[in-house]
PDB file of N, CA and C in Angstrom:
ATOM      1  N   MET A   1     109.611  65.612   9.551  1.00  0.00           N
ATOM      2  CA  MET A   1     108.870  64.218   8.177  1.00  0.00           C
ATOM      3  C   MET A   1     108.499  65.271   7.323  1.00  0.00           C
ATOM      4  N   VAL A   2     109.327  65.156   6.094  1.00  0.00           N
ATOM      5  CA  VAL A   2     109.178  65.796   4.767  1.00  0.00           C
ATOM      6  C   VAL A   2     107.773  65.595   3.900  1.00  0.00           C
ATOM      7  N   LEU A   3     107.007  66.766   4.090  1.00  0.00           N
ATOM      8  CA  LEU A   3     105.543  66.275   3.399  1.00  0.00           C
ATOM      9  C   LEU A   3     105.915  66.361   2.049  1.00  0.00           C
ATOM     10  N   ALA A   4     106.338  67.353   0.922  1.00  0.00           N
ATOM     11  CA  ALA A   4     106.327  67.439   0.379  1.00  0.00           C
ATOM     12  C   ALA A   4     107.656  68.106  -0.705  1.00  0.00           C
ATOM     13  N   HIS A   5     108.773  67.951  -1.392  1.00  0.00           N
ATOM     14  CA  HIS A   5     109.751  68.749  -2.084  1.00  0.00           C
ATOM     15  C   HIS A   5     109.263  68.878  -3.540  1.00  0.00           C
ATOM     16  N   LEU A   6     108.806  69.767  -4.127  1.00  0.00           N
ATOM     17  CA  LEU A   6     108.403  70.096  -5.129  1.00  0.00           C
ATOM     18  C   LEU A   6     109.581  71.058  -6.123  1.00  0.00           C
ATOM     19  N   HIS A   7     109.211  70.999  -7.309  1.00  0.00           N
ATOM     20  CA  HIS A   7     110.078  71.918  -8.344  1.00  0.00           C
ATOM     21  C   HIS A   7     108.636  72.325  -8.752  1.00  0.00           C
ATOM     22  N   ARG A   8     109.407  73.417  -9.966  1.00  0.00           N
ATOM     23  CA  ARG A   8     108.526  74.249 -11.098  1.00  0.00           C
ATOM     24  C   ARG A   8     109.411  74.803 -11.841  1.00  0.00           C
ATOM     25  N   ILE A   9     109.665  74.338 -13.247  1.00  0.00           N
ATOM     26  CA  ILE A   9     110.960  73.809 -13.988  1.00  0.00           C
ATOM     27  C   ILE A   9     109.718  74.499 -15.089  1.00  0.00           C
ATOM     28  N   ASP A  10     110.325  75.363 -15.850  1.00  0.00           N
ATOM     29  CA  ASP A  10     110.207  76.166 -17.021  1.00  0.00           C
ATOM     30  C   ASP A  10     111.129  77.350 -18.210  1.00  0.00           C
ATOM     31  N   PRO A  11     111.858  76.206 -18.944  1.00  0.00           N
ATOM     32  CA  PRO A  11     113.321  76.949 -19.479  1.00  0.00           C
ATOM     33  C   PRO A  11     112.856  78.531 -20.532  1.00  0.00           C
ATOM     34  N   ASN A  12     111.222  78.002 -20.985  1.00  0.00           N
ATOM     35  CA  ASN A  12     111.026  78.898 -22.003  1.00  0.00           C
ATOM     36  C   ASN A  12     110.826  80.490 -20.658  1.00  0.00           C
ATOM     37  N   ALA A  13     110.671  80.539 -19.444  1.00  0.00           N
ATOM     38  CA  ALA A  13     110.571  81.477 -18.792  1.00  0.00           C
ATOM     39  C   ALA A  13     111.512  81.852 -17.539  1.00  0.00           C
ATOM     40  N   ASN A  14     112.704  81.146 -18.003  1.00  0.00           N
ATOM     41  CA  ASN A  14     113.927  81.371 -17.158  1.00  0.00           C
ATOM     42  C   ASN A  14     113.303  80.928 -15.898  1.00  0.00           C
ATOM     43  N   MET A  15     112.526  79.973 -15.468  1.00  0.00           N
ATOM     44  CA  MET A  15     112.232  79.514 -14.216  1.00  0.00           C
ATOM     45  C   MET A  15     112.502  77.939 -13.481  1.00  0.00           C
ATOM     46  N   ALA A  16     113.170  77.983 -12.496  1.00  0.00           N
ATOM     47  CA  ALA A  16     113.587  76.805 -11.743  1.00  0.00           C
ATOM     48  C   ALA A  16     113.172  77.177 -10.369  1.00  0.00           C
ATOM     49  N   ARG A  17     112.438  76.789 -10.065  1.00  0.00           N
ATOM     50  CA  ARG A  17     112.209  76.849  -8.385  1.00  0.00           C
ATOM     51  C   ARG A  17     111.906  76.155  -7.538  1.00  0.00           C
ATOM     52  N   PHE A  18     111.897  76.085  -6.118  1.00  0.00           N
ATOM     53  CA  PHE A  18     111.676  74.449  -5.608  1.00  0.00           C
ATOM     54  C   PHE A  18     110.775  74.703  -4.179  1.00  0.00           C
ATOM     55  N   TYR A  19     110.103  74.107  -3.775  1.00  0.00           N
ATOM     56  CA  TYR A  19     109.232  74.396  -2.486  1.00  0.00           C
ATOM     57  C   TYR A  19     109.340  73.335  -1.881  1.00  0.00           C
ATOM     58  N   CYS A  20     109.444  72.968  -0.554  1.00  0.00           N
ATOM     59  CA  CYS A  20     109.728  72.098   0.925  1.00  0.00           C
ATOM     60  C   CYS A  20     108.598  72.626   1.687  1.00  0.00           C
ATOM     61  N   ILE A  21     108.035  71.581   1.955  1.00  0.00           N
ATOM     62  CA  ILE A  21     106.929  71.861   3.578  1.00  0.00           C
ATOM     63  C   ILE A  21     107.291  70.350   4.153  1.00  0.00           C
ATOM     64  N   ASP A  22     107.679  70.970   5.566  1.00  0.00           N
ATOM     65  CA  ASP A  22     107.971  69.877   6.358  1.00  0.00           C
ATOM     66  C   ASP A  22     107.294  69.835   7.578  1.00  0.00           C
ATOM     67  N   LEU A  23     106.695  68.980   8.343  1.00  0.00           N
ATOM     68  CA  LEU A  23     105.999  69.249   9.777  1.00  0.00           C
ATOM     69  C   LEU A  23     107.255  68.431  10.904  1.00  0.00           C
ATOM     70  N   ALA A  24     107.483  69.467  12.351  1.00  0.00           N
ATOM     71  CA  ALA A  24     107.721  69.028  13.029  1.00  0.00           C
ATOM     72  C   ALA A  24     107.514  69.402  14.452  1.00  0.00           C
ATOM     73  N   PRO A  25     107.473  68.563  15.749  1.00  0.00           N
ATOM     74  CA  PRO A  25     107.337  68.893  16.358  1.00  0.00           C
ATOM     75  C   PRO A  25     107.866  70.096  17.633  1.00  0.00           C
ATOM     76  N   THR A  26     107.288  70.709  18.421  1.00  0.00           N
ATOM     77  CA  THR A  26     108.453  71.527  19.230  1.00  0.00           C
ATOM     78  C   THR A  26     108.243  70.927  20.576  1.00  0.00           C
ATOM     79  N   LEU A  27     108.955  71.327  21.433  1.00  0.00           N
ATOM     80  CA  LEU A  27     109.229  70.673  22.571  1.00  0.00           C
ATOM     81  C   LEU A  27     108.395  71.703  23.610  1.00  0.00           C
ATOM     82  N   PHE A  28     106.860  72.181  23.056  1.00  0.00           N
ATOM     83  CA  PHE A  28     106.089  72.589  24.231  1.00  0.00           C
ATOM     84  C   PHE A  28     104.836  71.765  23.740  1.00  0.00           C
ATOM     85  N   GLY A  29     104.944  70.753  22.795  1.00  0.00           N
ATOM     86  CA  GLY A  29     103.717  69.706  22.017  1.00  0.00           C
ATOM     87  C   GLY A  29     103.007  70.676  21.088  1.00  0.00           C
ATOM     88  N   ASP A  30     103.468  71.521  20.211  1.00  0.00           N
ATOM     89  CA  ASP A  30     103.008  72.261  19.399  1.00  0.00           C
ATOM     90  C   ASP A  30     103.549  71.748  18.051  1.00  0.00           C
ATOM     91  N   VAL A  31     102.885  71.983  17.013  1.00  0.00           N
ATOM     92  CA  VAL A  31     103.612  71.636  15.695  1.00  0.00           C
ATOM     93  C   VAL A  31     104.301  72.514  14.857  1.00  0.00           C
ATOM     94  N   THR A  32     105.380  72.469  14.069  1.00  0.00           N
ATOM     95  CA  THR A  32     105.164  73.559  13.247  1.00  0.00           C
ATOM     96  C   THR A  32     105.259  73.184  11.724  1.00  0.00           C
ATOM     97  N   VAL A  33     104.937  73.944  11.302  1.00  0.00           N
ATOM     98  CA  VAL A  33     105.185  73.488   9.474  1.00  0.00           C
ATOM     99  C   VAL A  33     106.095  74.495   9.117  1.00  0.00           C
ATOM    100  N   LEU A  34     107.044  73.614   8.998  1.00  0.00           N
ATOM    101  CA  LEU A  34     108.374  74.773   8.119  1.00  0.00           C
ATOM    102  C   LEU A  34     108.421  74.754   6.263  1.00  0.00           C
ATOM    103  N   ARG A  35     108.611  75.976   5.622  1.00  0.00           N
ATOM    104  CA  ARG A  35     108.069  76.037   4.562  1.00  0.00           C
ATOM    105  C   ARG A  35     109.433  77.086   4.353  1.00  0.00           C
ATOM    106  N   HIS A  36     109.686  76.473   2.677  1.00  0.00           N
ATOM    107  CA  HIS A  36     111.225  76.591   2.295  1.00  0.00           C
ATOM    108  C   HIS A  36     110.967  76.171   0.864  1.00  0.00           C
ATOM    109  N   TRP A  37     111.445  77.507   0.398  1.00  0.00           N
ATOM    110  CA  TRP A  37     111.427  78.036  -0.954  1.00  0.00           C
ATOM    111  C   TRP A  37     112.408  78.488  -2.071  1.00  0.00           C
ATOM    112  N   GLY A  38     112.619  78.751  -2.835  1.00  0.00           N
ATOM    113  CA  GLY A  38     113.285  79.985  -3.586  1.00  0.00           C
ATOM    114  C   GLY A  38     113.799  78.876  -5.055  1.00  0.00           C
ATOM    115  N   ARG A  39     114.712  79.846  -5.723  1.00  0.00           N
ATOM    116  CA  ARG A  39     115.301  79.144  -6.755  1.00  0.00           C
ATOM    117  C   ARG A  39     116.723  78.166  -6.547  1.00  0.00           C
ATOM    118  N   LEU A  40     116.353  77.248  -7.456  1.00  0.00           N
ATOM    119  CA  LEU A  40     117.065  76.086  -7.794  1.00  0.00           C
ATOM    120  C   LEU A  40     118.447  76.905  -7.655  1.00  0.00           C
ATOM    121  N   GLY A  41     119.398  76.230  -7.018  1.00  0.00           N
ATOM    122  CA  GLY A  41     120.515  76.444  -6.540  1.00  0.00           C
ATOM    123  C   GLY A  41     120.919  77.617  -5.634  1.00  0.00           C
ATOM    124  N   THR A  42     119.751  78.069  -5.071  1.00  0.00           N
ATOM    125  CA  THR A  42     120.378  79.022  -4.256  1.00  0.00           C
ATOM    126  C   THR A  42     119.942  78.635  -2.991  1.00  0.00           C
ATOM    127  N   GLN A  43     120.376  79.598  -1.518  1.00  0.00           N
ATOM    128  CA  GLN A  43     119.635  79.012  -0.259  1.00  0.00           C
ATOM    129  C   GLN A  43     118.453  79.231  -0.054  1.00  0.00           C
ATOM    130  N   GLY A  44     117.490  79.988  -1.070  1.00  0.00           N
ATOM    131  CA  GLY A  44     116.346  80.010  -0.590  1.00  0.00           C
ATOM    132  C   GLY A  44     115.785  80.853   0.776  1.00  0.00           C
ATOM    133  N   ARG A  45     114.366  80.830   0.783  1.00  0.00           N
ATOM    134  CA  ARG A  45     113.548  81.579   2.173  1.00  0.00           C
ATOM    135  C   ARG A  45     113.325  80.655   3.251  1.00  0.00           C
ATOM    136  N   THR A  46     112.912  80.906   4.534  1.00  0.00           N
ATOM    137  CA  THR A  46     112.270  80.011   5.133  1.00  0.00           C
ATOM    138  C   THR A  46     111.245  80.771   5.549  1.00  0.00           C
ATOM    139  N   HIS A  47     110.178  79.497   6.359  1.00  0.00           N
ATOM    140  CA  HIS A  47     108.937  80.625   6.936  1.00  0.00           C
ATOM    141  C   HIS A  47     108.460  79.284   8.015  1.00  0.00           C
ATOM    142  N   LEU A  48     108.397  79.505   9.320  1.00  0.00           N
ATOM    143  CA  LEU A  48     107.582  79.032  10.200  1.00  0.00           C
ATOM    144  C   LEU A  48     106.265  78.676  10.445  1.00  0.00           C
ATOM    145  N   GLU A  49     105.426  78.272  11.025  1.00  0.00           N
ATOM    146  CA  GLU A  49     104.170  78.165  11.518  1.00  0.00           C
ATOM    147  C   GLU A  49     103.707  77.077  12.362  1.00  0.00           C
ATOM    148  N   THR A  50     103.494  77.554  13.798  1.00  0.00           N
ATOM    149  CA  THR A  50     103.283  77.480  14.641  1.00  0.00           C
ATOM    150  C   THR A  50     101.582  76.885  14.610  1.00  0.00           C
ATOM    151  N   TRP A  51     101.380  75.443  15.291  1.00  0.00           N
ATOM    152  CA  TRP A  51      99.866  74.808  15.366  1.00  0.00           C
ATOM    153  C   TRP A  51     100.078  74.286  16.977  1.00  0.00           C
ATOM    154  N   PRO A  52      98.977  74.382  17.451  1.00  0.00           N
ATOM    155  CA  PRO A  52      98.655  73.862  18.472  1.00  0.00           C
ATOM    156  C   PRO A  52      98.207  72.115  18.333  1.00  0.00           C
ATOM    157  N   SER A  53      97.564  71.802  17.562  1.00  0.00           N
ATOM    158  CA  SER A  53      97.663  70.247  17.108  1.00  0.00           C
ATOM    159  C   SER A  53      98.344  69.718  15.573  1.00  0.00           C
ATOM    160  N   THR A  54      98.512  68.570  15.591  1.00  0.00           N
ATOM    161  CA  THR A  54      98.739  68.198  14.801  1.00  0.00           C
ATOM    162  C   THR A  54      98.116  67.978  13.200  1.00  0.00           C
ATOM    163  N   GLY A  55      96.392  67.871  13.205  1.00  0.00           N
ATOM    164  CA  GLY A  55      95.677  68.263  12.585  1.00  0.00           C
ATOM    165  C   GLY A  55      95.393  69.600  11.802  1.00  0.00           C
ATOM    166  N   GLU A  56      95.628  70.437  12.511  1.00  0.00           N
ATOM    167  CA  GLU A  56      95.760  71.446  12.278  1.00  0.00           C
ATOM    168  C   GLU A  56      97.059  71.959  11.118  1.00  0.00           C
ATOM    169  N   ALA A  57      98.449  71.384  11.669  1.00  0.00           N
ATOM    170  CA  ALA A  57      99.350  72.023  10.928  1.00  0.00           C
ATOM    171  C   ALA A  57      99.207  71.091   9.573  1.00  0.00           C
ATOM    172  N   LYS A  58      98.781  69.686   9.370  1.00  0.00           N
ATOM    173  CA  LYS A  58      98.906  68.955   8.612  1.00  0.00           C
ATOM    174  C   LYS A  58      97.482  69.499   7.425  1.00  0.00           C
ATOM    175  N   ALA A  59      96.431  70.487   7.971  1.00  0.00           N
ATOM    176  CA  ALA A  59      95.532  71.078   7.261  1.00  0.00           C
ATOM    177  C   ALA A  59      95.839  72.310   6.471  1.00  0.00           C
ATOM    178  N   SER A  60      96.716  72.461   7.285  1.00  0.00           N
ATOM    179  CA  SER A  60      97.467  74.428   6.800  1.00  0.00           C
ATOM    180  C   SER A  60      98.484  73.697   5.544  1.00  0.00           C
ATOM    181  N   ALA A  61      99.744  72.486   5.987  1.00  0.00           N
ATOM    182  CA  ALA A  61     100.301  72.356   4.879  1.00  0.00           C
ATOM    183  C   ALA A  61      99.877  71.916   3.796  1.00  0.00           C
ATOM    184  N   ASN A  62      98.235  71.056   3.643  1.00  0.00           N
ATOM    185  CA  ASN A  62      97.702  70.201   2.877  1.00  0.00           C
ATOM    186  C   ASN A  62      97.498  71.745   1.337  1.00  0.00           C
ATOM    187  N   ARG A  63      96.780  72.841   2.367  1.00  0.00           N
ATOM    188  CA  ARG A  63      96.154  73.673   1.433  1.00  0.00           C
ATOM    189  C   ARG A  63      97.221  74.296   0.854  1.00  0.00           C
ATOM    190  N   THR A  64      98.446  74.597   1.352  1.00  0.00           N
ATOM    191  CA  THR A  64      99.423  74.967   0.754  1.00  0.00           C
ATOM    192  C   THR A  64     100.253  74.461  -0.553  1.00  0.00           C
ATOM    193  N   LEU A  65     100.151  73.085  -0.054  1.00  0.00           N
ATOM    194  CA  LEU A  65     100.360  71.477  -1.251  1.00  0.00           C
ATOM    195  C   LEU A  65      99.748  71.876  -2.648  1.00  0.00           C
ATOM    196  N   GLN A  66      98.027  72.270  -2.367  1.00  0.00           N
ATOM    197  CA  GLN A  66      97.319  72.476  -3.368  1.00  0.00           C
ATOM    198  C   GLN A  66      97.035  73.926  -4.050  1.00  0.00           C
ATOM    199  N   GLN A  67      97.546  74.830  -3.599  1.00  0.00           N
ATOM    200  CA  GLN A  67      97.744  75.858  -3.946  1.00  0.00           C
ATOM    201  C   GLN A  67      98.990  75.742  -5.237  1.00  0.00           C
ATOM    202  N   LYS A  68     100.240  75.359  -4.650  1.00  0.00           N
ATOM    203  CA  LYS A  68     101.368  74.955  -5.023  1.00  0.00           C
ATOM    204  C   LYS A  68     100.807  73.931  -6.417  1.00  0.00           C
ATOM    205  N   SER A  69     100.227  72.789  -6.262  1.00  0.00           N
ATOM    206  CA  SER A  69     100.071  71.923  -7.385  1.00  0.00           C
ATOM    207  C   SER A  69      99.459  72.831  -8.540  1.00  0.00           C
ATOM    208  N   ARG A  70      98.320  73.699  -7.769  1.00  0.00           N
ATOM    209  CA  ARG A  70      97.788  74.232  -8.890  1.00  0.00           C
ATOM    210  C   ARG A  70      98.213  75.412  -9.990  1.00  0.00           C
ATOM    211  N   ARG A  71      99.764  75.833  -8.899  1.00  0.00           N
ATOM    212  CA  ARG A  71      99.820  76.514  -9.878  1.00  0.00           C
ATOM    213  C   ARG A  71     101.505  76.461 -10.475  1.00  0.00           C
ATOM    214  N   GLY A  72     101.435  74.243 -10.810  1.00  0.00           N
ATOM    215  CA  GLY A  72     102.699  74.228 -11.588  1.00  0.00           C
ATOM    216  C   GLY A  72     103.792  72.996 -10.853  1.00  0.00           C
ATOM    217  N   TYR A  73     103.469  73.516  -9.998  1.00  0.00           N
ATOM    218  CA  TYR A  73     104.554  72.500  -8.583  1.00  0.00           C
ATOM    219  C   TYR A  73     104.365  71.566  -8.998  1.00  0.00           C
ATOM    220  N   ARG A  74     105.290  70.598  -8.982  1.00  0.00           N
ATOM    221  CA  ARG A  74     105.224  68.727  -9.755  1.00  0.00           C
ATOM    222  C   ARG A  74     106.441  68.335  -8.592  1.00  0.00           C
ATOM    223  N   PRO A  75     106.033  66.625  -7.896  1.00  0.00           N
ATOM    224  CA  PRO A  75     106.631  66.316  -7.152  1.00  0.00           C
ATOM    225  C   PRO A  75     108.357  66.538  -7.858  1.00  0.00           C
ATOM    226  N   ALA A  76     109.347  66.781  -6.929  1.00  0.00           N
ATOM    227  CA  ALA A  76     110.438  66.290  -7.469  1.00  0.00           C
ATOM    228  C   ALA A  76     111.510  65.590  -7.543  1.00  0.00           C
ATOM    229  N   GLU A  77     111.865  64.862  -8.819  1.00  0.00           N
ATOM    230  CA  GLU A  77     112.707  63.700  -9.158  1.00  0.00           C
ATOM    231  C   GLU A  77     113.882  63.541  -8.512  1.00  0.00           C
ATOM    232  N   ARG A  78     114.092  62.322  -7.908  1.00  0.00           N
ATOM    233  CA  ARG A  78     114.800  62.370  -7.367  1.00  0.00           C
ATOM    234  C   ARG A  78     116.363  61.245  -7.657  1.00  0.00           C
TER     235      ARG A  78
END
């Protein structure tokens, strides 16, 4: 379940970035927060963070989304 796919584009600063957050269940009953980010057009980087419950995973993802929103990331246009 993709929670958010965000972009931050500023041509004056030569900035074109993406940030994607996804939640996925594991085989052992935990929930993983998948974070994928980088410059648009590149493969980017990925970080996995596993939590024992869905509530904790959603809280972690929401904290990150709030931080990215404060930094100027906006939902990607499809």
